[in-house]
Amino acid sequence: MAEAGAHLTATADQRPSIFELLAQEALMEAVRPALQHAAKVLAESDPSRFGFLWRRFDELYLLLDVLLQSHFLSRSSASFSENFYGLKRTPGPGGRGPDAGGRGLDAGRRRLSLLLLCVFPYLRARLEAALARQRDEDDFSIRLAQGGRRRLLRAAAAALPRLGAAWRLWSFCQQLLYTFGHAQTHSPLLWLAGVRLSRLSAADITHMETRETGRLQHDSMVVWVLERRVSVCLSLCLPVCLSVCLSVGFIKRF
């Protein structure tokens, strides 16, 4: 009985509260508008030099987001904002493979997490921008040639509010179920990725520090090997170069 109670207490300690989860989501949602505003200010100050930042902001942000999230997923099995709040991703109920406390998420879950963290918001933003242009054309009665793509956009613009309402309702129900302990995840995206969030333990932090130490030692060894090889090459080539230069100077003198 005591062992069962201890197990339940440890599980409850690892389960983050809904406020922690919503806070880490708010942190990541605040990054994009801040960078977008900075790109707009730079583009307006010097359009010839920084105009591309505003024109290609979505693609540049996607590249930056992929690099950032890929680094944190491979290092700590968490996104940037999740790691900031001391959280980690572990396989969901019934999932197989290593967890973050062992050797991190498996490659399949990391790829799916990266896809849902980066590519899904990018595609949603691009779709919303295209539908906003379509609504502007409809509002100002701009009638262009009705091709297949334009008809598809008009249909998507009509369906998007219903899809958005259904998505928000799903997210709210998921958060409500998580709050009362009837769901393992608070977000549909985590459910689709087959992972759940839990707090980092002391063993996780020790494992990450050990891995970072090993990586730094490996990098130091690589640098030492390169320096050794460069010094050997210089020691072999320098006398030859000096002798050739002296020979050429001697020949020119006589």
C-alpha atoms as a PDB file:
ATOM      1  CA  MET A   1       0.000   0.000   0.000  1.00  0.00           C
ATOM      2  CA  ALA A   2       2.812   2.393   0.888  1.00  0.00           C
ATOM      3  CA  GLU A   3       4.602   1.618  -2.393  1.00  0.00           C
ATOM      4  CA  ALA A   4       1.427   2.324  -4.366  1.00  0.00           C
ATOM      5  CA  GLY A   5       0.971   5.629  -2.549  1.00  0.00           C
ATOM      6  CA  ALA A   6       4.576   6.609  -3.246  1.00  0.00           C
ATOM      7  CA  HIS A   7       4.131   5.788  -6.925  1.00  0.00           C
ATOM      8  CA  LEU A   8       1.003   7.956  -7.147  1.00  0.00           C
ATOM      9  CA  THR A   9       2.785  10.827  -5.397  1.00  0.00           C
ATOM     10  CA  ALA A  10       5.757  10.640  -7.786  1.00  0.00           C
ATOM     11  CA  THR A  11       3.409  10.581 -10.793  1.00  0.00           C
ATOM     12  CA  ALA A  12       1.497  13.601  -9.473  1.00  0.00           C
ATOM     13  CA  ASP A  13       4.754  15.499  -8.909  1.00  0.00           C
ATOM     14  CA  GLN A  14       5.804  14.920 -12.519  1.00  0.00           C
ATOM     15  CA  ARG A  15       2.459  16.077 -13.918  1.00  0.00           C
ATOM     16  CA  PRO A  16       2.599  19.823 -14.717  1.00  0.00           C
ATOM     17  CA  SER A  17      -0.341  22.052 -13.906  1.00  0.00           C
ATOM     18  CA  ILE A  18      -2.540  23.531 -16.606  1.00  0.00           C
ATOM     19  CA  PHE A  19      -1.158  26.990 -15.749  1.00  0.00           C
ATOM     20  CA  GLU A  20       2.402  25.906 -16.537  1.00  0.00           C
ATOM     21  CA  LEU A  21       1.281  24.438 -19.842  1.00  0.00           C
ATOM     22  CA  LEU A  22      -0.666  27.525 -20.880  1.00  0.00           C
ATOM     23  CA  ALA A  23       2.248  29.756 -19.837  1.00  0.00           C
ATOM     24  CA  GLN A  24       4.731  27.894 -22.055  1.00  0.00           C
ATOM     25  CA  GLU A  25       2.278  28.111 -24.961  1.00  0.00           C
ATOM     26  CA  ALA A  26       1.908  31.873 -24.428  1.00  0.00           C
ATOM     27  CA  LEU A  27       5.698  32.272 -24.426  1.00  0.00           C
ATOM     28  CA  MET A  28       6.068  30.669 -27.848  1.00  0.00           C
ATOM     29  CA  GLU A  29       3.069  32.525 -29.267  1.00  0.00           C
ATOM     30  CA  ALA A  30       4.651  35.843 -28.230  1.00  0.00           C
ATOM     31  CA  VAL A  31       7.922  35.215 -30.093  1.00  0.00           C
ATOM     32  CA  ARG A  32       6.506  35.405 -33.628  1.00  0.00           C
ATOM     33  CA  PRO A  33       4.704  38.796 -33.285  1.00  0.00           C
ATOM     34  CA  ALA A  34       7.788  40.295 -31.628  1.00  0.00           C
ATOM     35  CA  LEU A  35      10.095  39.175 -34.436  1.00  0.00           C
ATOM     36  CA  GLN A  36       7.536  40.215 -37.047  1.00  0.00           C
ATOM     37  CA  HIS A  37       7.364  43.717 -35.576  1.00  0.00           C
ATOM     38  CA  ALA A  38      11.178  43.937 -35.535  1.00  0.00           C
ATOM     39  CA  ALA A  39      11.312  42.864 -39.196  1.00  0.00           C
ATOM     40  CA  LYS A  40       8.690  45.482 -40.097  1.00  0.00           C
ATOM     41  CA  VAL A  41      10.600  48.259 -38.333  1.00  0.00           C
ATOM     42  CA  LEU A  42      13.858  47.292 -40.065  1.00  0.00           C
ATOM     43  CA  ALA A  43      12.150  47.068 -43.455  1.00  0.00           C
ATOM     44  CA  GLU A  44      10.584  50.519 -43.045  1.00  0.00           C
ATOM     45  CA  SER A  45      13.876  52.068 -41.895  1.00  0.00           C
ATOM     46  CA  ASP A  46      15.884  50.724 -44.862  1.00  0.00           C
ATOM     47  CA  PRO A  47      13.738  48.954 -47.500  1.00  0.00           C
ATOM     48  CA  SER A  48      16.620  48.310 -49.882  1.00  0.00           C
ATOM     49  CA  ARG A  49      18.668  46.459 -47.277  1.00  0.00           C
ATOM     50  CA  PHE A  50      16.082  44.897 -44.957  1.00  0.00           C
ATOM     51  CA  GLY A  51      13.005  44.728 -47.158  1.00  0.00           C
ATOM     52  CA  PHE A  52      13.474  41.011 -47.723  1.00  0.00           C
ATOM     53  CA  LEU A  53      12.988  40.398 -43.982  1.00  0.00           C
ATOM     54  CA  TRP A  54       9.387  41.585 -44.276  1.00  0.00           C
ATOM     55  CA  ARG A  55       8.679  40.035 -47.665  1.00  0.00           C
ATOM     56  CA  ARG A  56      10.048  36.605 -46.688  1.00  0.00           C
ATOM     57  CA  PHE A  57       9.293  36.729 -42.985  1.00  0.00           C
ATOM     58  CA  ASP A  58       7.210  33.521 -42.951  1.00  0.00           C
ATOM     59  CA  GLU A  59       9.930  31.454 -44.622  1.00  0.00           C
ATOM     60  CA  LEU A  60      12.746  32.964 -42.529  1.00  0.00           C
ATOM     61  CA  TYR A  61      10.798  32.404 -39.323  1.00  0.00           C
ATOM     62  CA  LEU A  62      10.075  28.821 -40.358  1.00  0.00           C
ATOM     63  CA  LEU A  63      13.801  28.197 -40.897  1.00  0.00           C
ATOM     64  CA  LEU A  64      14.695  29.770 -37.540  1.00  0.00           C
ATOM     65  CA  ASP A  65      11.918  27.859 -35.789  1.00  0.00           C
ATOM     66  CA  VAL A  66      12.985  24.530 -37.293  1.00  0.00           C
ATOM     67  CA  LEU A  67      16.604  25.046 -36.211  1.00  0.00           C
ATOM     68  CA  LEU A  68      15.609  26.142 -32.700  1.00  0.00           C
ATOM     69  CA  GLN A  69      13.039  23.418 -32.053  1.00  0.00           C
ATOM     70  CA  SER A  70      15.206  20.703 -33.606  1.00  0.00           C
ATOM     71  CA  HIS A  71      18.068  21.636 -31.285  1.00  0.00           C
ATOM     72  CA  PHE A  72      15.924  21.499 -28.148  1.00  0.00           C
ATOM     73  CA  LEU A  73      14.092  18.333 -29.208  1.00  0.00           C
ATOM     74  CA  SER A  74      17.361  16.482 -29.776  1.00  0.00           C
ATOM     75  CA  ARG A  75      19.003  17.922 -26.652  1.00  0.00           C
ATOM     76  CA  SER A  76      16.204  17.764 -24.060  1.00  0.00           C
ATOM     77  CA  SER A  77      13.187  16.105 -25.761  1.00  0.00           C
ATOM     78  CA  ALA A  78      11.202  19.337 -25.463  1.00  0.00           C
ATOM     79  CA  SER A  79      10.427  22.443 -27.449  1.00  0.00           C
ATOM     80  CA  PHE A  80      12.094  25.763 -26.639  1.00  0.00           C
ATOM     81  CA  SER A  81       9.232  27.017 -24.463  1.00  0.00           C
ATOM     82  CA  GLU A  82       8.709  23.628 -22.801  1.00  0.00           C
ATOM     83  CA  ASN A  83      12.377  23.438 -21.850  1.00  0.00           C
ATOM     84  CA  PHE A  84      12.213  27.015 -20.539  1.00  0.00           C
ATOM     85  CA  TYR A  85       9.539  25.928 -18.054  1.00  0.00           C
ATOM     86  CA  GLY A  86      11.376  22.733 -17.073  1.00  0.00           C
ATOM     87  CA  LEU A  87       9.155  20.333 -19.022  1.00  0.00           C
ATOM     88  CA  LYS A  88       9.933  17.349 -21.225  1.00  0.00           C
ATOM     89  CA  ARG A  89       8.101  15.207 -23.770  1.00  0.00           C
ATOM     90  CA  THR A  90       7.557  11.531 -23.018  1.00  0.00           C
ATOM     91  CA  PRO A  91       5.722   8.866 -25.048  1.00  0.00           C
ATOM     92  CA  GLY A  92       1.976   8.911 -24.537  1.00  0.00           C
ATOM     93  CA  PRO A  93      -0.089   6.123 -22.983  1.00  0.00           C
ATOM     94  CA  GLY A  94       0.690   2.812 -24.634  1.00  0.00           C
ATOM     95  CA  GLY A  95       3.622   4.345 -26.477  1.00  0.00           C
ATOM     96  CA  ARG A  96       6.765   2.381 -27.053  1.00  0.00           C
ATOM     97  CA  GLY A  97      10.327   3.501 -27.210  1.00  0.00           C
ATOM     98  CA  PRO A  98      12.617   5.398 -24.851  1.00  0.00           C
ATOM     99  CA  ASP A  99      11.362   8.298 -22.802  1.00  0.00           C
ATOM    100  CA  ALA A 100      13.054  11.595 -22.111  1.00  0.00           C
ATOM    101  CA  GLY A 101      14.350  10.371 -18.793  1.00  0.00           C
ATOM    102  CA  GLY A 102      16.196   7.557 -20.525  1.00  0.00           C
ATOM    103  CA  ARG A 103      17.650   8.425 -23.888  1.00  0.00           C
ATOM    104  CA  GLY A 104      15.070  10.921 -25.155  1.00  0.00           C
ATOM    105  CA  LEU A 105      12.269  10.583 -27.671  1.00  0.00           C
ATOM    106  CA  ASP A 106      12.770   8.220 -30.572  1.00  0.00           C
ATOM    107  CA  ALA A 107      13.451   9.647 -34.031  1.00  0.00           C
ATOM    108  CA  GLY A 108       9.880   9.144 -35.248  1.00  0.00           C
ATOM    109  CA  ARG A 109       8.327  11.121 -32.400  1.00  0.00           C
ATOM    110  CA  ARG A 110      10.942  13.858 -32.732  1.00  0.00           C
ATOM    111  CA  ARG A 111      10.175  14.259 -36.439  1.00  0.00           C
ATOM    112  CA  LEU A 112       6.426  14.298 -35.831  1.00  0.00           C
ATOM    113  CA  SER A 113       6.840  16.777 -32.978  1.00  0.00           C
ATOM    114  CA  LEU A 114       8.983  19.012 -35.180  1.00  0.00           C
ATOM    115  CA  LEU A 115       6.388  18.827 -37.955  1.00  0.00           C
ATOM    116  CA  LEU A 116       3.537  19.823 -35.643  1.00  0.00           C
ATOM    117  CA  LEU A 117       5.598  22.493 -33.867  1.00  0.00           C
ATOM    118  CA  CYS A 118       6.916  24.262 -36.978  1.00  0.00           C
ATOM    119  CA  VAL A 119       5.298  23.225 -40.258  1.00  0.00           C
ATOM    120  CA  PHE A 120       1.696  23.119 -39.038  1.00  0.00           C
ATOM    121  CA  PRO A 121       1.706  26.765 -37.771  1.00  0.00           C
ATOM    122  CA  TYR A 122       3.474  27.876 -40.970  1.00  0.00           C
ATOM    123  CA  LEU A 123       0.858  26.257 -43.217  1.00  0.00           C
ATOM    124  CA  ARG A 124      -1.948  27.657 -41.072  1.00  0.00           C
ATOM    125  CA  ALA A 125      -0.478  31.181 -41.272  1.00  0.00           C
ATOM    126  CA  ARG A 126      -0.081  30.938 -45.058  1.00  0.00           C
ATOM    127  CA  LEU A 127      -3.641  29.681 -45.455  1.00  0.00           C
ATOM    128  CA  GLU A 128      -5.037  32.454 -43.257  1.00  0.00           C
ATOM    129  CA  ALA A 129      -3.108  35.085 -45.261  1.00  0.00           C
ATOM    130  CA  ALA A 130      -4.442  33.716 -48.566  1.00  0.00           C
ATOM    131  CA  LEU A 131      -7.994  33.620 -47.218  1.00  0.00           C
ATOM    132  CA  ALA A 132      -7.639  37.181 -45.879  1.00  0.00           C
ATOM    133  CA  ARG A 133      -6.727  38.363 -49.387  1.00  0.00           C
ATOM    134  CA  GLN A 134      -9.721  36.450 -50.755  1.00  0.00           C
ATOM    135  CA  ARG A 135     -12.048  38.139 -48.249  1.00  0.00           C
ATOM    136  CA  ASP A 136     -10.624  41.561 -49.179  1.00  0.00           C
ATOM    137  CA  GLU A 137     -11.347  40.864 -52.833  1.00  0.00           C
ATOM    138  CA  ASP A 138     -14.891  39.853 -51.974  1.00  0.00           C
ATOM    139  CA  ASP A 139     -15.426  42.894 -49.720  1.00  0.00           C
ATOM    140  CA  PHE A 140     -14.217  45.344 -52.374  1.00  0.00           C
ATOM    141  CA  SER A 141     -16.014  43.471 -55.164  1.00  0.00           C
ATOM    142  CA  ILE A 142     -12.813  42.685 -57.047  1.00  0.00           C
ATOM    143  CA  ARG A 143     -13.981  40.130 -59.572  1.00  0.00           C
ATOM    144  CA  LEU A 144     -11.100  38.291 -61.181  1.00  0.00           C
ATOM    145  CA  ALA A 145     -11.110  35.261 -63.420  1.00  0.00           C
ATOM    146  CA  GLN A 146     -12.635  32.358 -61.489  1.00  0.00           C
ATOM    147  CA  GLY A 147     -10.067  29.606 -61.822  1.00  0.00           C
ATOM    148  CA  GLY A 148      -9.960  26.357 -59.940  1.00  0.00           C
ATOM    149  CA  ARG A 149      -7.573  27.763 -57.335  1.00  0.00           C
ATOM    150  CA  ARG A 150      -9.786  30.787 -56.673  1.00  0.00           C
ATOM    151  CA  ARG A 151     -12.901  28.659 -56.311  1.00  0.00           C
ATOM    152  CA  LEU A 152     -10.999  26.450 -53.857  1.00  0.00           C
ATOM    153  CA  LEU A 153      -9.983  29.526 -51.835  1.00  0.00           C
ATOM    154  CA  ARG A 154     -13.587  30.759 -51.730  1.00  0.00           C
ATOM    155  CA  ALA A 155     -14.731  27.365 -50.449  1.00  0.00           C
ATOM    156  CA  ALA A 156     -11.936  27.296 -47.853  1.00  0.00           C
ATOM    157  CA  ALA A 157     -12.811  30.840 -46.744  1.00  0.00           C
ATOM    158  CA  ALA A 158     -16.395  29.720 -46.174  1.00  0.00           C
ATOM    159  CA  ALA A 159     -15.345  26.600 -44.241  1.00  0.00           C
ATOM    160  CA  LEU A 160     -12.503  28.103 -42.184  1.00  0.00           C
ATOM    161  CA  PRO A 161     -14.658  29.732 -39.455  1.00  0.00           C
ATOM    162  CA  ARG A 162     -16.394  26.415 -38.761  1.00  0.00           C
ATOM    163  CA  LEU A 163     -13.087  24.527 -38.727  1.00  0.00           C
ATOM    164  CA  GLY A 164     -11.551  27.131 -36.425  1.00  0.00           C
ATOM    165  CA  ALA A 165     -14.497  26.920 -34.041  1.00  0.00           C
ATOM    166  CA  ALA A 166     -14.278  23.118 -34.004  1.00  0.00           C
ATOM    167  CA  TRP A 167     -10.524  23.267 -33.310  1.00  0.00           C
ATOM    168  CA  ARG A 168     -10.958  25.749 -30.441  1.00  0.00           C
ATOM    169  CA  LEU A 169     -13.753  23.638 -28.970  1.00  0.00           C
ATOM    170  CA  TRP A 170     -11.537  20.537 -29.152  1.00  0.00           C
ATOM    171  CA  SER A 171      -8.667  22.400 -27.477  1.00  0.00           C
ATOM    172  CA  PHE A 172     -10.944  23.705 -24.721  1.00  0.00           C
ATOM    173  CA  CYS A 173     -12.382  20.245 -24.032  1.00  0.00           C
ATOM    174  CA  GLN A 174      -8.880  18.756 -23.991  1.00  0.00           C
ATOM    175  CA  GLN A 175      -7.700  21.366 -21.484  1.00  0.00           C
ATOM    176  CA  LEU A 176     -10.780  20.812 -19.332  1.00  0.00           C
ATOM    177  CA  LEU A 177     -10.282  17.047 -19.304  1.00  0.00           C
ATOM    178  CA  TYR A 178      -6.591  17.480 -18.459  1.00  0.00           C
ATOM    179  CA  THR A 179      -7.400  19.845 -15.592  1.00  0.00           C
ATOM    180  CA  PHE A 180      -9.679  17.264 -13.967  1.00  0.00           C
ATOM    181  CA  GLY A 181      -7.252  14.406 -14.579  1.00  0.00           C
ATOM    182  CA  HIS A 182      -9.233  12.637 -17.322  1.00  0.00           C
ATOM    183  CA  ALA A 183      -6.697  13.231 -20.135  1.00  0.00           C
ATOM    184  CA  GLN A 184      -2.942  12.800 -20.438  1.00  0.00           C
ATOM    185  CA  THR A 185      -2.432  15.829 -22.715  1.00  0.00           C
ATOM    186  CA  HIS A 186      -3.880  19.332 -22.743  1.00  0.00           C
ATOM    187  CA  SER A 187      -3.372  19.962 -26.453  1.00  0.00           C
ATOM    188  CA  PRO A 188      -4.648  18.185 -29.582  1.00  0.00           C
ATOM    189  CA  LEU A 189      -1.199  18.659 -31.156  1.00  0.00           C
ATOM    190  CA  LEU A 190       0.455  16.688 -28.351  1.00  0.00           C
ATOM    191  CA  TRP A 191      -2.183  13.992 -28.733  1.00  0.00           C
ATOM    192  CA  LEU A 192      -1.526  13.819 -32.480  1.00  0.00           C
ATOM    193  CA  ALA A 193       2.222  13.596 -31.828  1.00  0.00           C
ATOM    194  CA  GLY A 194       1.675  10.711 -29.381  1.00  0.00           C
ATOM    195  CA  VAL A 195       3.499  12.436 -26.515  1.00  0.00           C
ATOM    196  CA  ARG A 196       2.676  14.034 -23.189  1.00  0.00           C
ATOM    197  CA  LEU A 197       4.423  16.615 -21.017  1.00  0.00           C
ATOM    198  CA  SER A 198       5.948  16.026 -17.610  1.00  0.00           C
ATOM    199  CA  ARG A 199       8.383  17.867 -15.366  1.00  0.00           C
ATOM    200  CA  LEU A 200      12.115  17.396 -15.631  1.00  0.00           C
ATOM    201  CA  SER A 201      13.520  15.318 -12.792  1.00  0.00           C
ATOM    202  CA  ALA A 202      16.946  15.469 -11.186  1.00  0.00           C
ATOM    203  CA  ALA A 203      17.939  12.366 -13.173  1.00  0.00           C
ATOM    204  CA  ASP A 204      16.971  14.106 -16.441  1.00  0.00           C
ATOM    205  CA  ILE A 205      19.088  17.153 -15.618  1.00  0.00           C
ATOM    206  CA  THR A 206      22.041  14.955 -14.630  1.00  0.00           C
ATOM    207  CA  HIS A 207      21.725  12.963 -17.850  1.00  0.00           C
ATOM    208  CA  MET A 208      21.650  16.133 -19.985  1.00  0.00           C
ATOM    209  CA  GLU A 209      24.671  17.581 -18.186  1.00  0.00           C
ATOM    210  CA  THR A 210      26.582  14.323 -18.649  1.00  0.00           C
ATOM    211  CA  ARG A 211      25.716  14.232 -22.331  1.00  0.00           C
ATOM    212  CA  GLU A 212      26.777  17.866 -22.774  1.00  0.00           C
ATOM    213  CA  THR A 213      30.066  17.165 -20.988  1.00  0.00           C
ATOM    214  CA  GLY A 214      30.715  14.187 -23.263  1.00  0.00           C
ATOM    215  CA  ARG A 215      29.893  16.286 -26.316  1.00  0.00           C
ATOM    216  CA  LEU A 216      32.275  19.047 -25.220  1.00  0.00           C
ATOM    217  CA  GLN A 217      35.026  16.493 -24.602  1.00  0.00           C
ATOM    218  CA  HIS A 218      34.443  15.030 -28.049  1.00  0.00           C
ATOM    219  CA  ASP A 219      34.582  18.505 -29.637  1.00  0.00           C
ATOM    220  CA  SER A 220      37.783  19.266 -27.730  1.00  0.00           C
ATOM    221  CA  MET A 221      39.315  16.019 -28.960  1.00  0.00           C
ATOM    222  CA  VAL A 222      38.374  16.843 -32.550  1.00  0.00           C
ATOM    223  CA  VAL A 223      39.936  20.301 -32.234  1.00  0.00           C
ATOM    224  CA  TRP A 224      43.088  18.789 -30.711  1.00  0.00           C
ATOM    225  CA  VAL A 225      43.388  16.267 -33.574  1.00  0.00           C
ATOM    226  CA  LEU A 226      42.942  19.021 -36.164  1.00  0.00           C
ATOM    227  CA  GLU A 227      45.528  21.229 -34.472  1.00  0.00           C
ATOM    228  CA  ARG A 228      47.942  18.280 -34.337  1.00  0.00           C
ATOM    229  CA  ARG A 229      47.523  17.540 -38.014  1.00  0.00           C
ATOM    230  CA  VAL A 230      47.920  21.201 -38.956  1.00  0.00           C
ATOM    231  CA  SER A 231      51.116  21.443 -36.902  1.00  0.00           C
ATOM    232  CA  VAL A 232      52.486  18.266 -38.539  1.00  0.00           C
ATOM    233  CA  CYS A 233      51.698  19.636 -41.998  1.00  0.00           C
ATOM    234  CA  LEU A 234      53.370  22.941 -41.182  1.00  0.00           C
ATOM    235  CA  SER A 235      56.439  21.204 -39.785  1.00  0.00           C
ATOM    236  CA  LEU A 236      56.757  19.205 -43.016  1.00  0.00           C
ATOM    237  CA  CYS A 237      55.911  21.943 -45.493  1.00  0.00           C
ATOM    238  CA  LEU A 238      57.673  24.925 -43.929  1.00  0.00           C
ATOM    239  CA  PRO A 239      61.254  23.656 -44.402  1.00  0.00           C
ATOM    240  CA  VAL A 240      60.480  22.714 -47.999  1.00  0.00           C
ATOM    241  CA  CYS A 241      59.003  26.155 -48.717  1.00  0.00           C
ATOM    242  CA  LEU A 242      61.977  27.909 -47.117  1.00  0.00           C
ATOM    243  CA  SER A 243      64.472  25.838 -49.092  1.00  0.00           C
ATOM    244  CA  VAL A 244      62.626  26.520 -52.348  1.00  0.00           C
ATOM    245  CA  CYS A 245      62.512  30.251 -51.644  1.00  0.00           C
ATOM    246  CA  LEU A 246      66.232  30.335 -50.807  1.00  0.00           C
ATOM    247  CA  SER A 247      67.059  28.376 -53.947  1.00  0.00           C
ATOM    248  CA  VAL A 248      65.005  30.749 -56.133  1.00  0.00           C
ATOM    249  CA  GLY A 249      66.656  33.778 -54.525  1.00  0.00           C
ATOM    250  CA  PHE A 250      70.114  32.265 -55.025  1.00  0.00           C
ATOM    251  CA  ILE A 251      69.387  31.509 -58.696  1.00  0.00           C
ATOM    252  CA  LYS A 252      68.116  35.051 -59.329  1.00  0.00           C
ATOM    253  CA  ARG A 253      71.211  36.589 -57.726  1.00  0.00           C
ATOM    254  CA  PHE A 254      73.576  34.612 -59.986  1.00  0.00           C
END
